């Protein structure tokens, strides 16, 4: 039987997150600070090699996945 490991990853922060706004499906990009934070996290911690990354088409999710994987 073949097994899989599933990793769940939440996107970085947007301006709407910092302003405590419910942003739902709005397509806000990551903030500059959030991009730098994700890069710092990746540099400090091991992230697994993955065969595939599934992500929503929203900018914040795509940007986060591009940085981390």
N, C-alpha and C. Protein backbone atom coordinates (compact mmCIF):
# COMPACT_ATOMS: atom_id res chain seq x y z
N UNK A 1 0.85 -1.18 0.00
CA UNK A 1 0.00 0.00 0.00
C UNK A 1 0.89 1.24 0.00
N UNK A 2 0.63 2.15 -0.89
CA UNK A 2 1.39 3.38 -0.98
C UNK A 2 0.83 4.40 0.01
N UNK A 3 1.72 5.10 0.69
CA UNK A 3 1.28 6.13 1.62
C UNK A 3 1.76 7.50 1.15
N UNK A 4 1.10 8.52 1.62
CA UNK A 4 1.44 9.89 1.27
C UNK A 4 1.53 10.71 2.55
N UNK A 5 2.36 11.72 2.50
CA UNK A 5 2.42 12.69 3.59
C UNK A 5 1.86 13.99 3.05
N UNK A 6 0.93 14.57 3.77
CA UNK A 6 0.29 15.81 3.37
C UNK A 6 0.73 16.92 4.30
N UNK A 7 1.24 18.00 3.74
CA UNK A 7 1.63 19.17 4.52
C UNK A 7 0.64 20.29 4.23
N UNK A 8 0.16 20.91 5.27
CA UNK A 8 -0.73 22.06 5.11
C UNK A 8 0.04 23.32 5.47
N UNK A 9 -0.12 24.33 4.67
CA UNK A 9 0.65 25.54 4.83
C UNK A 9 -0.26 26.74 4.62
N UNK A 10 -0.21 27.67 5.53
CA UNK A 10 -1.04 28.88 5.40
C UNK A 10 -0.20 29.98 4.75
N UNK A 11 -0.86 30.77 3.93
CA UNK A 11 -0.18 31.87 3.24
C UNK A 11 0.32 32.94 4.21
N UNK A 12 1.21 33.78 3.72
CA UNK A 12 1.70 34.90 4.50
C UNK A 12 0.63 35.98 4.66
N UNK A 13 1.00 37.06 5.32
CA UNK A 13 0.03 38.10 5.64
C UNK A 13 -0.10 39.15 4.54
N UNK A 14 -1.31 39.69 4.45
CA UNK A 14 -1.61 40.77 3.51
C UNK A 14 -1.94 42.02 4.32
N UNK A 15 -2.08 43.13 3.63
CA UNK A 15 -2.45 44.38 4.31
C UNK A 15 -3.79 44.21 5.03
N UNK A 16 -4.70 43.47 4.43
CA UNK A 16 -6.00 43.23 5.05
C UNK A 16 -5.87 42.47 6.37
N UNK A 17 -4.93 41.52 6.44
CA UNK A 17 -4.70 40.79 7.69
C UNK A 17 -4.21 41.74 8.78
N UNK A 18 -3.28 42.61 8.44
CA UNK A 18 -2.74 43.56 9.42
C UNK A 18 -3.80 44.54 9.91
N UNK A 19 -4.77 44.84 9.04
CA UNK A 19 -5.85 45.77 9.42
C UNK A 19 -7.05 45.07 10.04
N UNK A 20 -6.91 43.77 10.33
CA UNK A 20 -7.97 42.96 10.94
C UNK A 20 -9.24 42.97 10.09
N UNK A 21 -9.07 42.94 8.78
CA UNK A 21 -10.20 42.90 7.86
C UNK A 21 -10.46 41.46 7.43
N UNK A 22 -11.72 41.13 7.26
CA UNK A 22 -12.06 39.85 6.67
C UNK A 22 -11.93 40.04 5.17
N UNK A 23 -10.98 39.33 4.56
CA UNK A 23 -10.71 39.60 3.15
C UNK A 23 -11.24 38.51 2.21
N UNK A 24 -11.60 37.37 2.75
CA UNK A 24 -12.25 36.33 1.95
C UNK A 24 -11.58 36.08 0.62
N UNK A 25 -12.28 36.32 -0.46
CA UNK A 25 -11.76 36.01 -1.79
C UNK A 25 -11.14 37.20 -2.49
N UNK A 26 -10.92 38.31 -1.78
CA UNK A 26 -10.23 39.42 -2.44
C UNK A 26 -8.81 38.98 -2.75
N UNK A 27 -8.25 39.51 -3.79
CA UNK A 27 -6.96 39.03 -4.27
C UNK A 27 -5.83 39.99 -3.89
N UNK A 28 -5.57 40.11 -2.59
CA UNK A 28 -4.52 40.98 -2.11
C UNK A 28 -3.18 40.25 -2.12
N UNK A 29 -2.10 40.95 -2.51
CA UNK A 29 -0.77 40.33 -2.46
C UNK A 29 -0.22 40.35 -1.05
N UNK A 30 0.88 39.65 -0.84
CA UNK A 30 1.57 39.67 0.45
C UNK A 30 2.21 41.05 0.67
N UNK A 31 2.38 41.41 1.92
CA UNK A 31 3.10 42.63 2.23
C UNK A 31 4.60 42.36 2.09
N UNK A 32 5.37 43.42 1.94
CA UNK A 32 6.82 43.29 1.86
C UNK A 32 7.37 42.64 3.12
N UNK A 33 6.84 43.03 4.28
CA UNK A 33 7.28 42.43 5.54
C UNK A 33 6.99 40.94 5.58
N UNK A 34 5.85 40.54 5.08
CA UNK A 34 5.47 39.13 5.08
C UNK A 34 6.37 38.33 4.14
N UNK A 35 6.71 38.89 3.01
CA UNK A 35 7.62 38.22 2.07
C UNK A 35 8.97 37.99 2.74
N UNK A 36 9.48 39.01 3.40
CA UNK A 36 10.77 38.89 4.09
C UNK A 36 10.70 37.88 5.23
N UNK A 37 9.57 37.85 5.94
CA UNK A 37 9.39 36.90 7.03
C UNK A 37 9.39 35.46 6.51
N UNK A 38 8.69 35.22 5.42
CA UNK A 38 8.65 33.87 4.84
C UNK A 38 10.05 33.45 4.38
N UNK A 39 10.79 34.35 3.77
CA UNK A 39 12.16 34.04 3.33
C UNK A 39 13.04 33.71 4.54
N UNK A 40 12.86 34.44 5.62
CA UNK A 40 13.63 34.20 6.84
C UNK A 40 13.28 32.84 7.44
N UNK A 41 12.01 32.51 7.48
CA UNK A 41 11.56 31.21 8.01
C UNK A 41 12.16 30.08 7.18
N UNK A 42 12.12 30.23 5.86
CA UNK A 42 12.65 29.18 4.99
C UNK A 42 14.15 29.01 5.20
N UNK A 43 14.86 30.10 5.41
CA UNK A 43 16.31 30.03 5.60
C UNK A 43 16.68 29.36 6.93
N UNK A 44 15.83 29.51 7.93
CA UNK A 44 16.12 28.99 9.27
C UNK A 44 15.64 27.56 9.49
N UNK A 45 14.64 27.13 8.75
CA UNK A 45 14.01 25.83 8.99
C UNK A 45 14.02 24.97 7.73
N UNK A 46 14.13 23.68 7.94
CA UNK A 46 14.09 22.74 6.81
C UNK A 46 12.66 22.58 6.32
N UNK A 47 12.48 22.74 5.04
CA UNK A 47 11.19 22.45 4.42
C UNK A 47 11.36 21.23 3.54
N UNK A 48 10.42 20.31 3.59
CA UNK A 48 10.58 19.05 2.85
C UNK A 48 10.54 19.26 1.34
N UNK A 49 11.23 18.36 0.65
CA UNK A 49 11.10 18.31 -0.81
C UNK A 49 9.73 17.69 -1.10
N UNK A 50 9.00 18.29 -1.99
CA UNK A 50 7.66 17.78 -2.31
C UNK A 50 7.55 17.51 -3.80
N UNK A 51 6.70 16.59 -4.14
CA UNK A 51 6.47 16.25 -5.55
C UNK A 51 5.50 17.21 -6.21
N UNK A 52 4.57 17.74 -5.44
CA UNK A 52 3.56 18.63 -6.00
C UNK A 52 3.10 19.62 -4.94
N UNK A 53 2.69 20.79 -5.41
CA UNK A 53 2.13 21.81 -4.52
C UNK A 53 0.79 22.22 -5.12
N UNK A 54 -0.26 22.13 -4.33
CA UNK A 54 -1.59 22.54 -4.75
C UNK A 54 -1.93 23.81 -4.01
N UNK A 55 -2.33 24.83 -4.74
CA UNK A 55 -2.53 26.15 -4.14
C UNK A 55 -3.71 26.84 -4.82
N UNK A 56 -4.37 27.70 -4.07
CA UNK A 56 -5.46 28.47 -4.68
C UNK A 56 -4.85 29.47 -5.66
N UNK A 57 -5.64 30.00 -6.57
CA UNK A 57 -5.10 30.95 -7.55
C UNK A 57 -4.94 32.37 -7.00
N UNK A 58 -5.22 32.59 -5.73
CA UNK A 58 -5.10 33.94 -5.17
C UNK A 58 -3.63 34.32 -5.01
N UNK A 59 -3.32 35.61 -5.23
CA UNK A 59 -1.94 36.09 -5.20
C UNK A 59 -1.21 35.71 -3.92
N UNK A 60 -1.85 35.89 -2.77
CA UNK A 60 -1.17 35.63 -1.49
C UNK A 60 -0.75 34.16 -1.37
N UNK A 61 -1.58 33.27 -1.87
CA UNK A 61 -1.28 31.84 -1.81
C UNK A 61 -0.18 31.48 -2.81
N UNK A 62 -0.27 32.00 -4.02
CA UNK A 62 0.75 31.73 -5.03
C UNK A 62 2.11 32.27 -4.61
N UNK A 63 2.13 33.50 -4.09
CA UNK A 63 3.38 34.10 -3.65
C UNK A 63 4.00 33.28 -2.51
N UNK A 64 3.20 32.90 -1.56
CA UNK A 64 3.70 32.13 -0.41
C UNK A 64 4.28 30.80 -0.87
N UNK A 65 3.57 30.10 -1.76
CA UNK A 65 4.06 28.81 -2.25
C UNK A 65 5.35 28.97 -3.05
N UNK A 66 5.43 30.02 -3.86
CA UNK A 66 6.65 30.27 -4.63
C UNK A 66 7.85 30.49 -3.73
N UNK A 67 7.66 31.19 -2.65
CA UNK A 67 8.76 31.46 -1.73
C UNK A 67 9.16 30.19 -0.99
N UNK A 68 8.21 29.47 -0.46
CA UNK A 68 8.51 28.34 0.41
C UNK A 68 8.85 27.05 -0.33
N UNK A 69 8.29 26.85 -1.53
CA UNK A 69 8.51 25.59 -2.24
C UNK A 69 9.04 25.83 -3.64
